[in-house]
């Protein structure tokens, strides 16, 4: 009877050891998958941050270029006005000189 109980306990112990080893292996695989998923998540977050940074940089550059364009548009308008004034001055001087020459 003792031998039968001992044998039964050994079989039970062996079964439990196999179950524990199987669970350890399953846990190790799950941990590998978790670490792999965490690494992919970190990679994606880093890529997203890089894209966000590039997007912010591009938006800043667009804004800066728009401001520069507006400034240049204003400068061009001023130059055109100055050109028009100078042309009118030249016309007035020519007319005055023609009038003086004809007198």
PDB file of N, CA and C in Angstrom:
ATOM      1  N   UNK A   1       0.837  -1.183   0.000  1.00  0.00           N
ATOM      2  CA  UNK A   1       0.000   0.000   0.000  1.00  0.00           C
ATOM      3  C   UNK A   1       0.886   1.252   0.000  1.00  0.00           C
ATOM      4  N   UNK A   2       1.939   1.251   0.830  1.00  0.00           N
ATOM      5  CA  UNK A   2       2.844   2.390   0.898  1.00  0.00           C
ATOM      6  C   UNK A   2       3.563   2.587  -0.425  1.00  0.00           C
ATOM      7  N   UNK A   3       3.955   1.480  -1.043  1.00  0.00           N
ATOM      8  CA  UNK A   3       4.614   1.555  -2.353  1.00  0.00           C
ATOM      9  C   UNK A   3       3.668   2.122  -3.400  1.00  0.00           C
ATOM     10  N   UNK A   4       2.425   1.744  -3.353  1.00  0.00           N
ATOM     11  CA  UNK A   4       1.441   2.236  -4.309  1.00  0.00           C
ATOM     12  C   UNK A   4       1.220   3.733  -4.109  1.00  0.00           C
ATOM     13  N   UNK A   5       1.137   4.185  -2.837  1.00  0.00           N
ATOM     14  CA  UNK A   5       0.970   5.614  -2.570  1.00  0.00           C
ATOM     15  C   UNK A   5       2.212   6.381  -3.003  1.00  0.00           C
ATOM     16  N   UNK A   6       3.379   5.790  -2.718  1.00  0.00           N
ATOM     17  CA  UNK A   6       4.643   6.428  -3.092  1.00  0.00           C
ATOM     18  C   UNK A   6       4.741   6.559  -4.607  1.00  0.00           C
ATOM     19  N   UNK A   7       4.367   5.488  -5.295  1.00  0.00           N
ATOM     20  CA  UNK A   7       4.386   5.499  -6.760  1.00  0.00           C
ATOM     21  C   UNK A   7       3.395   6.535  -7.290  1.00  0.00           C
ATOM     22  N   UNK A   8       2.209   6.587  -6.685  1.00  0.00           N
ATOM     23  CA  UNK A   8       1.179   7.543  -7.088  1.00  0.00           C
ATOM     24  C   UNK A   8       1.660   8.981  -6.865  1.00  0.00           C
ATOM     25  N   UNK A   9       2.324   9.208  -5.709  1.00  0.00           N
ATOM     26  CA  UNK A   9       2.850  10.542  -5.423  1.00  0.00           C
ATOM     27  C   UNK A   9       3.976  10.910  -6.389  1.00  0.00           C
ATOM     28  N   UNK A  10       4.806   9.942  -6.746  1.00  0.00           N
ATOM     29  CA  UNK A  10       5.885  10.188  -7.712  1.00  0.00           C
ATOM     30  C   UNK A  10       5.319  10.546  -9.086  1.00  0.00           C
ATOM     31  N   UNK A  11       4.266   9.838  -9.480  1.00  0.00           N
ATOM     32  CA  UNK A  11       3.620  10.135 -10.757  1.00  0.00           C
ATOM     33  C   UNK A  11       3.016  11.541 -10.706  1.00  0.00           C
ATOM     34  N   UNK A  12       2.337  11.853  -9.590  1.00  0.00           N
ATOM     35  CA  UNK A  12       1.738  13.175  -9.424  1.00  0.00           C
ATOM     36  C   UNK A  12       2.817  14.259  -9.427  1.00  0.00           C
ATOM     37  N   UNK A  13       3.919  13.996  -8.701  1.00  0.00           N
ATOM     38  CA  UNK A  13       5.026  14.946  -8.654  1.00  0.00           C
ATOM     39  C   UNK A  13       5.620  15.139 -10.042  1.00  0.00           C
ATOM     40  N   UNK A  14       5.807  14.065 -10.758  1.00  0.00           N
ATOM     41  CA  UNK A  14       6.354  14.131 -12.117  1.00  0.00           C
ATOM     42  C   UNK A  14       5.425  14.924 -13.031  1.00  0.00           C
ATOM     43  N   UNK A  15       4.134  14.711 -12.903  1.00  0.00           N
ATOM     44  CA  UNK A  15       3.154  15.437 -13.703  1.00  0.00           C
ATOM     45  C   UNK A  15       3.197  16.925 -13.370  1.00  0.00           C
ATOM     46  N   UNK A  16       3.264  17.242 -12.079  1.00  0.00           N
ATOM     47  CA  UNK A  16       3.308  18.645 -11.656  1.00  0.00           C
ATOM     48  C   UNK A  16       4.596  19.314 -12.136  1.00  0.00           C
ATOM     49  N   UNK A  17       5.715  18.599 -12.086  1.00  0.00           N
ATOM     50  CA  UNK A  17       6.987  19.147 -12.566  1.00  0.00           C
ATOM     51  C   UNK A  17       6.882  19.447 -14.060  1.00  0.00           C
ATOM     52  N   UNK A  18       6.273  18.526 -14.810  1.00  0.00           N
ATOM     53  CA  UNK A  18       6.080  18.751 -16.253  1.00  0.00           C
ATOM     54  C   UNK A  18       5.182  19.965 -16.493  1.00  0.00           C
ATOM     55  N   UNK A  19       4.115  20.082 -15.699  1.00  0.00           N
ATOM     56  CA  UNK A  19       3.214  21.232 -15.828  1.00  0.00           C
ATOM     57  C   UNK A  19       3.951  22.536 -15.510  1.00  0.00           C
ATOM     58  N   UNK A  20       4.758  22.505 -14.448  1.00  0.00           N
ATOM     59  CA  UNK A  20       5.525  23.695 -14.066  1.00  0.00           C
ATOM     60  C   UNK A  20       6.507  24.060 -15.170  1.00  0.00           C
ATOM     61  N   UNK A  21       7.208  23.066 -15.702  1.00  0.00           N
ATOM     62  CA  UNK A  21       8.157  23.331 -16.794  1.00  0.00           C
ATOM     63  C   UNK A  21       7.443  23.879 -18.022  1.00  0.00           C
ATOM     64  N   UNK A  22       6.274  23.334 -18.314  1.00  0.00           N
ATOM     65  CA  UNK A  22       5.485  23.816 -19.445  1.00  0.00           C
ATOM     66  C   UNK A  22       5.052  25.267 -19.207  1.00  0.00           C
ATOM     67  N   UNK A  23       4.616  25.561 -17.979  1.00  0.00           N
ATOM     68  CA  UNK A  23       4.208  26.928 -17.645  1.00  0.00           C
ATOM     69  C   UNK A  23       5.395  27.890 -17.695  1.00  0.00           C
ATOM     70  N   UNK A  24       6.572  27.428 -17.239  1.00  0.00           N
ATOM     71  CA  UNK A  24       7.774  28.264 -17.311  1.00  0.00           C
ATOM     72  C   UNK A  24       8.106  28.590 -18.765  1.00  0.00           C
ATOM     73  N   UNK A  25       8.015  27.568 -19.606  1.00  0.00           N
ATOM     74  CA  UNK A  25       8.300  27.768 -21.035  1.00  0.00           C
ATOM     75  C   UNK A  25       7.275  28.722 -21.658  1.00  0.00           C
ATOM     76  N   UNK A  26       6.016  28.528 -21.322  1.00  0.00           N
ATOM     77  CA  UNK A  26       4.955  29.400 -21.828  1.00  0.00           C
ATOM     78  C   UNK A  26       5.162  30.834 -21.329  1.00  0.00           C
ATOM     79  N   UNK A  27       5.560  30.979 -20.063  1.00  0.00           N
ATOM     80  CA  UNK A  27       5.832  32.296 -19.506  1.00  0.00           C
ATOM     81  C   UNK A  27       7.007  32.953 -20.235  1.00  0.00           C
ATOM     82  N   UNK A  28       8.062  32.187 -20.489  1.00  0.00           N
ATOM     83  CA  UNK A  28       9.235  32.729 -21.189  1.00  0.00           C
ATOM     84  C   UNK A  28       8.845  33.199 -22.592  1.00  0.00           C
ATOM     85  N   UNK A  29       8.025  32.406 -23.287  1.00  0.00           N
ATOM     86  CA  UNK A  29       7.574  32.800 -24.623  1.00  0.00           C
ATOM     87  C   UNK A  29       6.700  34.054 -24.553  1.00  0.00           C
ATOM     88  N   UNK A  30       5.825  34.104 -23.564  1.00  0.00           N
ATOM     89  CA  UNK A  30       4.972  35.287 -23.396  1.00  0.00           C
ATOM     90  C   UNK A  30       5.819  36.513 -23.085  1.00  0.00           C
ATOM     91  N   UNK A  31       6.846  36.337 -22.263  1.00  0.00           N
ATOM     92  CA  UNK A  31       7.731  37.445 -21.921  1.00  0.00           C
ATOM     93  C   UNK A  31       8.486  37.920 -23.166  1.00  0.00           C
ATOM     94  N   UNK A  32       8.925  36.986 -24.000  1.00  0.00           N
ATOM     95  CA  UNK A  32       9.598  37.361 -25.256  1.00  0.00           C
ATOM     96  C   UNK A  32       8.653  38.147 -26.161  1.00  0.00           C
ATOM     97  N   UNK A  33       7.409  37.679 -26.277  1.00  0.00           N
ATOM     98  CA  UNK A  33       6.427  38.389 -27.098  1.00  0.00           C
ATOM     99  C   UNK A  33       6.144  39.774 -26.523  1.00  0.00           C
ATOM    100  N   UNK A  34       6.055  39.864 -25.188  1.00  0.00           N
ATOM    101  CA  UNK A  34       5.810  41.153 -24.540  1.00  0.00           C
ATOM    102  C   UNK A  34       6.968  42.115 -24.799  1.00  0.00           C
ATOM    103  N   UNK A  35       8.190  41.621 -24.654  1.00  0.00           N
ATOM    104  CA  UNK A  35       9.359  42.470 -24.894  1.00  0.00           C
ATOM    105  C   UNK A  35       9.443  42.892 -26.361  1.00  0.00           C
ATOM    106  N   UNK A  36       9.105  41.963 -27.248  1.00  0.00           N
ATOM    107  CA  UNK A  36       9.104  42.280 -28.675  1.00  0.00           C
ATOM    108  C   UNK A  36       8.046  43.341 -28.987  1.00  0.00           C
ATOM    109  N   UNK A  37       6.865  43.184 -28.415  1.00  0.00           N
ATOM    110  CA  UNK A  37       5.793  44.170 -28.626  1.00  0.00           C
ATOM    111  C   UNK A  37       6.190  45.519 -28.034  1.00  0.00           C
ATOM    112  N   UNK A  38       6.831  45.507 -26.878  1.00  0.00           N
ATOM    113  CA  UNK A  38       7.290  46.746 -26.251  1.00  0.00           C
ATOM    114  C   UNK A  38       8.334  47.432 -27.129  1.00  0.00           C
ATOM    115  N   UNK A  39       9.238  46.645 -27.693  1.00  0.00           N
ATOM    116  CA  UNK A  39      10.264  47.202 -28.582  1.00  0.00           C
ATOM    117  C   UNK A  39       9.621  47.818 -29.826  1.00  0.00           C
ATOM    118  N   UNK A  40       8.648  47.111 -30.417  1.00  0.00           N
ATOM    119  CA  UNK A  40       7.947  47.652 -31.588  1.00  0.00           C
ATOM    120  C   UNK A  40       7.211  48.933 -31.227  1.00  0.00           C
ATOM    121  N   UNK A  41       6.563  48.939 -30.052  1.00  0.00           N
ATOM    122  CA  UNK A  41       5.853  50.136 -29.591  1.00  0.00           C
ATOM    123  C   UNK A  41       6.828  51.302 -29.446  1.00  0.00           C
ATOM    124  N   UNK A  42       7.969  51.051 -28.832  1.00  0.00           N
ATOM    125  CA  UNK A  42       8.973  52.108 -28.659  1.00  0.00           C
ATOM    126  C   UNK A  42       9.494  52.602 -30.005  1.00  0.00           C
ATOM    127  N   UNK A  43       9.715  51.672 -30.937  1.00  0.00           N
ATOM    128  CA  UNK A  43      10.178  52.056 -32.277  1.00  0.00           C
ATOM    129  C   UNK A  43       9.142  52.936 -32.974  1.00  0.00           C
ATOM    130  N   UNK A  44       7.881  52.543 -32.873  1.00  0.00           N
ATOM    131  CA  UNK A  44       6.804  53.311 -33.508  1.00  0.00           C
ATOM    132  C   UNK A  44       6.678  54.685 -32.857  1.00  0.00           C
ATOM    133  N   UNK A  45       6.775  54.739 -31.529  1.00  0.00           N
ATOM    134  CA  UNK A  45       6.704  56.033 -30.838  1.00  0.00           C
ATOM    135  C   UNK A  45       7.863  56.932 -31.248  1.00  0.00           C
ATOM    136  N   UNK A  46       9.070  56.355 -31.362  1.00  0.00           N
ATOM    137  CA  UNK A  46      10.234  57.135 -31.774  1.00  0.00           C
ATOM    138  C   UNK A  46      10.046  57.655 -33.204  1.00  0.00           C
ATOM    139  N   UNK A  47       9.546  56.786 -34.075  1.00  0.00           N
ATOM    140  CA  UNK A  47       9.293  57.199 -35.460  1.00  0.00           C
ATOM    141  C   UNK A  47       8.234  58.302 -35.510  1.00  0.00           C
ATOM    142  N   UNK A  48       7.195  58.163 -34.694  1.00  0.00           N
ATOM    143  CA  UNK A  48       6.142  59.179 -34.633  1.00  0.00           C
ATOM    144  C   UNK A  48       6.708  60.508 -34.134  1.00  0.00           C
ATOM    145  N   UNK A  49       7.563  60.451 -33.109  1.00  0.00           N
ATOM    146  CA  UNK A  49       8.191  61.671 -32.601  1.00  0.00           C
ATOM    147  C   UNK A  49       9.059  62.325 -33.672  1.00  0.00           C
ATOM    148  N   UNK A  50       9.793  61.499 -34.437  1.00  0.00           N
ATOM    149  CA  UNK A  50      10.630  62.040 -35.512  1.00  0.00           C
ATOM    150  C   UNK A  50       9.764  62.712 -36.571  1.00  0.00           C
ATOM    151  N   UNK A  51       8.654  62.066 -36.911  1.00  0.00           N
ATOM    152  CA  UNK A  51       7.758  62.654 -37.913  1.00  0.00           C
ATOM    153  C   UNK A  51       7.117  63.936 -37.393  1.00  0.00           C
ATOM    154  N   UNK A  52       6.712  63.902 -36.114  1.00  0.00           N
ATOM    155  CA  UNK A  52       6.137  65.113 -35.514  1.00  0.00           C
ATOM    156  C   UNK A  52       7.152  66.244 -35.524  1.00  0.00           C
ATOM    157  N   UNK A  53       8.393  65.895 -35.188  1.00  0.00           N
ATOM    158  CA  UNK A  53       9.457  66.903 -35.170  1.00  0.00           C
ATOM    159  C   UNK A  53       9.680  67.459 -36.572  1.00  0.00           C
ATOM    160  N   UNK A  54       9.709  66.567 -37.562  1.00  0.00           N
ATOM    161  CA  UNK A  54       9.889  67.010 -38.949  1.00  0.00           C
ATOM    162  C   UNK A  54       8.699  67.858 -39.389  1.00  0.00           C
ATOM    163  N   UNK A  55       7.497  67.458 -38.963  1.00  0.00           N
ATOM    164  CA  UNK A  55       6.289  68.208 -39.316  1.00  0.00           C
ATOM    165  C   UNK A  55       6.326  69.605 -38.699  1.00  0.00           C
ATOM    166  N   UNK A  56       6.719  69.675 -37.431  1.00  0.00           N
ATOM    167  CA  UNK A  56       6.820  70.976 -36.760  1.00  0.00           C
ATOM    168  C   UNK A  56       7.861  71.836 -37.452  1.00  0.00           C
ATOM    169  N   UNK A  57       8.990  71.213 -37.803  1.00  0.00           N
ATOM    170  CA  UNK A  57      10.056  71.947 -38.489  1.00  0.00           C
ATOM    171  C   UNK A  57       9.563  72.463 -39.842  1.00  0.00           C
ATOM    172  N   UNK A  58       8.837  71.621 -40.566  1.00  0.00           N
ATOM    173  CA  UNK A  58       8.313  72.034 -41.871  1.00  0.00           C
ATOM    174  C   UNK A  58       7.286  73.157 -41.709  1.00  0.00           C
ATOM    175  N   UNK A  59       6.428  73.050 -40.703  1.00  0.00           N
ATOM    176  CA  UNK A  59       5.429  74.099 -40.467  1.00  0.00           C
ATOM    177  C   UNK A  59       6.112  75.412 -40.104  1.00  0.00           C
ATOM    178  N   UNK A  60       7.157  75.334 -39.286  1.00  0.00           N
ATOM    179  CA  UNK A  60       7.904  76.538 -38.917  1.00  0.00           C
ATOM    180  C   UNK A  60       8.538  77.155 -40.155  1.00  0.00           C
ATOM    181  N   UNK A  61       9.114  76.301 -41.000  1.00  0.00           N
ATOM    182  CA  UNK A  61       9.762  76.804 -42.211  1.00  0.00           C
ATOM    183  C   UNK A  61       8.736  77.453 -43.137  1.00  0.00           C
ATOM    184  N   UNK A  62       7.568  76.835 -43.287  1.00  0.00           N
ATOM    185  CA  UNK A  62       6.511  77.415 -44.123  1.00  0.00           C
ATOM    186  C   UNK A  62       6.091  78.773 -43.562  1.00  0.00           C
ATOM    187  N   UNK A  63       5.913  78.832 -42.248  1.00  0.00           N
ATOM    188  CA  UNK A  63       5.522  80.093 -41.611  1.00  0.00           C
ATOM    189  C   UNK A  63       6.586  81.164 -41.830  1.00  0.00           C
ATOM    190  N   UNK A  64       7.837  80.784 -41.653  1.00  0.00           N
ATOM    191  CA  UNK A  64       8.938  81.734 -41.841  1.00  0.00           C
ATOM    192  C   UNK A  64       8.990  82.214 -43.288  1.00  0.00           C
ATOM    193  N   UNK A  65       8.800  81.295 -44.237  1.00  0.00           N
ATOM    194  CA  UNK A  65       8.827  81.674 -45.651  1.00  0.00           C
ATOM    195  C   UNK A  65       7.642  82.570 -46.009  1.00  0.00           C
ATOM    196  N   UNK A  66       6.480  82.306 -45.413  1.00  0.00           N
ATOM    197  CA  UNK A  66       5.316  83.171 -45.655  1.00  0.00           C
ATOM    198  C   UNK A  66       5.580  84.583 -45.130  1.00  0.00           C
ATOM    199  N   UNK A  67       6.181  84.665 -43.946  1.00  0.00           N
ATOM    200  CA  UNK A  67       6.511  85.979 -43.390  1.00  0.00           C
ATOM    201  C   UNK A  67       7.521  86.696 -44.287  1.00  0.00           C
ATOM    202  N   UNK A  68       8.510  85.950 -44.745  1.00  0.00           N
ATOM    203  CA  UNK A  68       9.520  86.542 -45.634  1.00  0.00           C
ATOM    204  C   UNK A  68       8.874  87.022 -46.928  1.00  0.00           C
ATOM    205  N   UNK A  69       7.959  86.208 -47.485  1.00  0.00           N
ATOM    206  CA  UNK A  69       7.254  86.583 -48.712  1.00  0.00           C
ATOM    207  C   UNK A  69       6.442  87.858 -48.490  1.00  0.00           C
ATOM    208  N   UNK A  70       5.725  87.920 -47.367  1.00  0.00           N
ATOM    209  CA  UNK A  70       4.928  89.117 -47.072  1.00  0.00           C
ATOM    210  C   UNK A  70       5.819  90.348 -46.954  1.00  0.00           C
ATOM    211  N   UNK A  71       6.954  90.184 -46.300  1.00  0.00           N
ATOM    212  CA  UNK A  71       7.895  91.296 -46.188  1.00  0.00           C
ATOM    213  C   UNK A  71       8.416  91.728 -47.544  1.00  0.00           C
ATOM    214  N   UNK A  72       8.748  90.750 -48.388  1.00  0.00           N
ATOM    215  CA  UNK A  72       9.243  91.068 -49.731  1.00  0.00           C
ATOM    216  C   UNK A  72       8.150  91.696 -50.589  1.00  0.00           C
ATOM    217  N   UNK A  73       6.906  91.220 -50.436  1.00  0.00           N
ATOM    218  CA  UNK A  73       5.795  91.833 -51.176  1.00  0.00           C
ATOM    219  C   UNK A  73       5.658  93.309 -50.805  1.00  0.00           C
ATOM    220  N   UNK A  74       5.757  93.600 -49.511  1.00  0.00           N
ATOM    221  CA  UNK A  74       5.681  94.990 -49.064  1.00  0.00           C
ATOM    222  C   UNK A  74       6.834  95.814 -49.614  1.00  0.00           C
ATOM    223  N   UNK A  75       8.020  95.230 -49.624  1.00  0.00           N
ATOM    224  CA  UNK A  75       9.198  95.939 -50.142  1.00  0.00           C
ATOM    225  C   UNK A  75       9.055  96.196 -51.648  1.00  0.00           C
ATOM    226  N   UNK A  76       8.550  95.198 -52.366  1.00  0.00           N
ATOM    227  CA  UNK A  76       8.341  95.363 -53.815  1.00  0.00           C
ATOM    228  C   UNK A  76       7.327  96.473 -54.076  1.00  0.00           C
ATOM    229  N   UNK A  77       6.259  96.499 -53.293  1.00  0.00           N
ATOM    230  CA  UNK A  77       5.247  97.549 -53.458  1.00  0.00           C
ATOM    231  C   UNK A  77       5.876  98.924 -53.230  1.00  0.00           C
ATOM    232  N   UNK A  78       6.676  99.048 -52.180  1.00  0.00           N
ATOM    233  CA  UNK A  78       7.342 100.313 -51.884  1.00  0.00           C
ATOM    234  C   UNK A  78       8.282 100.704 -53.032  1.00  0.00           C
ATOM    235  N   UNK A  79       9.041  99.709 -53.548  1.00  0.00           N
ATOM    236  CA  UNK A  79       9.955  99.990 -54.660  1.00  0.00           C
ATOM    237  C   UNK A  79       9.189 100.447 -55.902  1.00  0.00           C
ATOM    238  N   UNK A  80       8.050  99.802 -56.170  1.00  0.00           N
ATOM    239  CA  UNK A  80       7.238 100.199 -57.321  1.00  0.00           C
ATOM    240  C   UNK A  80       6.729 101.631 -57.152  1.00  0.00           C
ATOM    241  N   UNK A  81       6.318 101.977 -55.937  1.00  0.00           N
ATOM    242  CA  UNK A  81       5.857 103.346 -55.672  1.00  0.00           C
ATOM    243  C   UNK A  81       6.998 104.338 -55.870  1.00  0.00           C
ATOM    244  N   UNK A  82       8.180 103.986 -55.380  1.00  0.00           N
ATOM    245  CA  UNK A  82       9.346 104.858 -55.543  1.00  0.00           C
ATOM    246  C   UNK A  82       9.706 105.015 -57.019  1.00  0.00           C
ATOM    247  N   UNK A  83       9.627 103.913 -57.761  1.00  0.00           N
ATOM    248  CA  UNK A  83       9.914 103.954 -59.195  1.00  0.00           C
ATOM    249  C   UNK A  83       8.927 104.880 -59.899  1.00  0.00           C
ATOM    250  N   UNK A  84       7.663 104.745 -59.540  1.00  0.00           N
ATOM    251  CA  UNK A  84       6.637 105.598 -60.139  1.00  0.00           C
ATOM    252  C   UNK A  84       6.901 107.079 -59.822  1.00  0.00           C
ATOM    253  N   UNK A  85       7.256 107.367 -58.566  1.00  0.00           N
ATOM    254  CA  UNK A  85       7.575 108.744 -58.181  1.00  0.00           C
ATOM    255  C   UNK A  85       8.772 109.273 -58.970  1.00  0.00           C
ATOM    256  N   UNK A  86       9.808 108.463 -59.086  1.00  0.00           N
ATOM    257  CA  UNK A  86      11.014 108.892 -59.807  1.00  0.00           C
ATOM    258  C   UNK A  86      10.712 109.099 -61.293  1.00  0.00           C
ATOM    259  N   UNK A  87       9.881 108.218 -61.856  1.00  0.00           N
ATOM    260  CA  UNK A  87       9.505 108.392 -63.258  1.00  0.00           C
ATOM    261  C   UNK A  87       8.738 109.697 -63.441  1.00  0.00           C
ATOM    262  N   UNK A  88       7.848 109.977 -62.517  1.00  0.00           N
ATOM    263  CA  UNK A  88       7.080 111.221 -62.592  1.00  0.00           C
ATOM    264  C   UNK A  88       8.001 112.428 -62.434  1.00  0.00           C
ATOM    265  N   UNK A  89       8.982 112.322 -61.534  1.00  0.00           N
ATOM    266  CA  UNK A  89       9.952 113.408 -61.364  1.00  0.00           C
ATOM    267  C   UNK A  89      10.738 113.637 -62.657  1.00  0.00           C
ATOM    268  N   UNK A  90      11.150 112.548 -63.295  1.00  0.00           N
ATOM    269  CA  UNK A  90      11.899 112.656 -64.558  1.00  0.00           C
ATOM    270  C   UNK A  90      11.037 113.320 -65.627  1.00  0.00           C
ATOM    271  N   UNK A  91       9.775 112.899 -65.695  1.00  0.00           N
ATOM    272  CA  UNK A  91       8.858 113.499 -66.673  1.00  0.00           C
ATOM    273  C   UNK A  91       8.718 114.992 -66.404  1.00  0.00           C
ATOM    274  N   UNK A  92       8.560 115.354 -65.137  1.00  0.00           N
ATOM    275  CA  UNK A  92       8.421 116.774 -64.775  1.00  0.00           C
ATOM    276  C   UNK A  92       9.686 117.559 -65.129  1.00  0.00           C
ATOM    277  N   UNK A  93      10.862 116.979 -64.828  1.00  0.00           N
ATOM    278  CA  UNK A  93      12.128 117.654 -65.146  1.00  0.00           C
ATOM    279  C   UNK A  93      12.272 117.808 -66.655  1.00  0.00           C
ATOM    280  N   UNK A  94      11.928 116.796 -67.429  1.00  0.00           N
ATOM    281  CA  UNK A  94      12.021 116.870 -68.898  1.00  0.00           C
ATOM    282  C   UNK A  94      11.089 117.956 -69.438  1.00  0.00           C
ATOM    283  N   UNK A  95       9.866 117.952 -68.897  1.00  0.00           N
ATOM    284  CA  UNK A  95       8.919 118.970 -69.350  1.00  0.00           C
ATOM    285  C   UNK A  95       9.440 120.370 -69.028  1.00  0.00           C
ATOM    286  N   UNK A  96       9.997 120.529 -67.837  1.00  0.00           N
ATOM    287  CA  UNK A  96      10.539 121.824 -67.432  1.00  0.00           C
ATOM    288  C   UNK A  96      11.709 122.218 -68.327  1.00  0.00           C
ATOM    289  N   UNK A  97      12.587 121.237 -68.615  1.00  0.00           N
ATOM    290  CA  UNK A  97      13.743 121.511 -69.471  1.00  0.00           C
ATOM    291  C   UNK A  97      13.293 121.822 -70.896  1.00  0.00           C
ATOM    292  N   UNK A  98      12.305 121.091 -71.383  1.00  0.00           N
ATOM    293  CA  UNK A  98      11.777 121.355 -72.725  1.00  0.00           C
ATOM    294  C   UNK A  98      11.171 122.753 -72.793  1.00  0.00           C
ATOM    295  N   UNK A  99      10.456 123.102 -71.742  1.00  0.00           N
ATOM    296  CA  UNK A  99       9.853 124.433 -71.687  1.00  0.00           C
ATOM    297  C   UNK A  99      10.940 125.500 -71.687  1.00  0.00           C
ATOM    298  N   UNK A 100      11.987 125.309 -70.895  1.00  0.00           N
ATOM    299  CA  UNK A 100      13.090 126.271 -70.825  1.00  0.00           C
ATOM    300  C   UNK A 100      13.855 126.311 -72.149  1.00  0.00           C
ATOM    301  N   UNK A 101      14.040 125.159 -72.768  1.00  0.00           N
ATOM    302  CA  UNK A 101      14.774 125.081 -74.029  1.00  0.00           C
ATOM    303  C   UNK A 101      13.997 125.771 -75.148  1.00  0.00           C
ATOM    304  N   UNK A 102      12.681 125.626 -75.116  1.00  0.00           N
ATOM    305  CA  UNK A 102      11.830 126.221 -76.142  1.00  0.00           C
ATOM    306  C   UNK A 102      11.666 127.727 -75.964  1.00  0.00           C
ATOM    307  N   UNK A 103      11.941 128.251 -74.819  1.00  0.00           N
ATOM    308  CA  UNK A 103      11.788 129.690 -74.577  1.00  0.00           C
ATOM    309  C   UNK A 103      12.899 130.464 -75.143  1.00  0.00           C
TER     310      UNK A 103
END
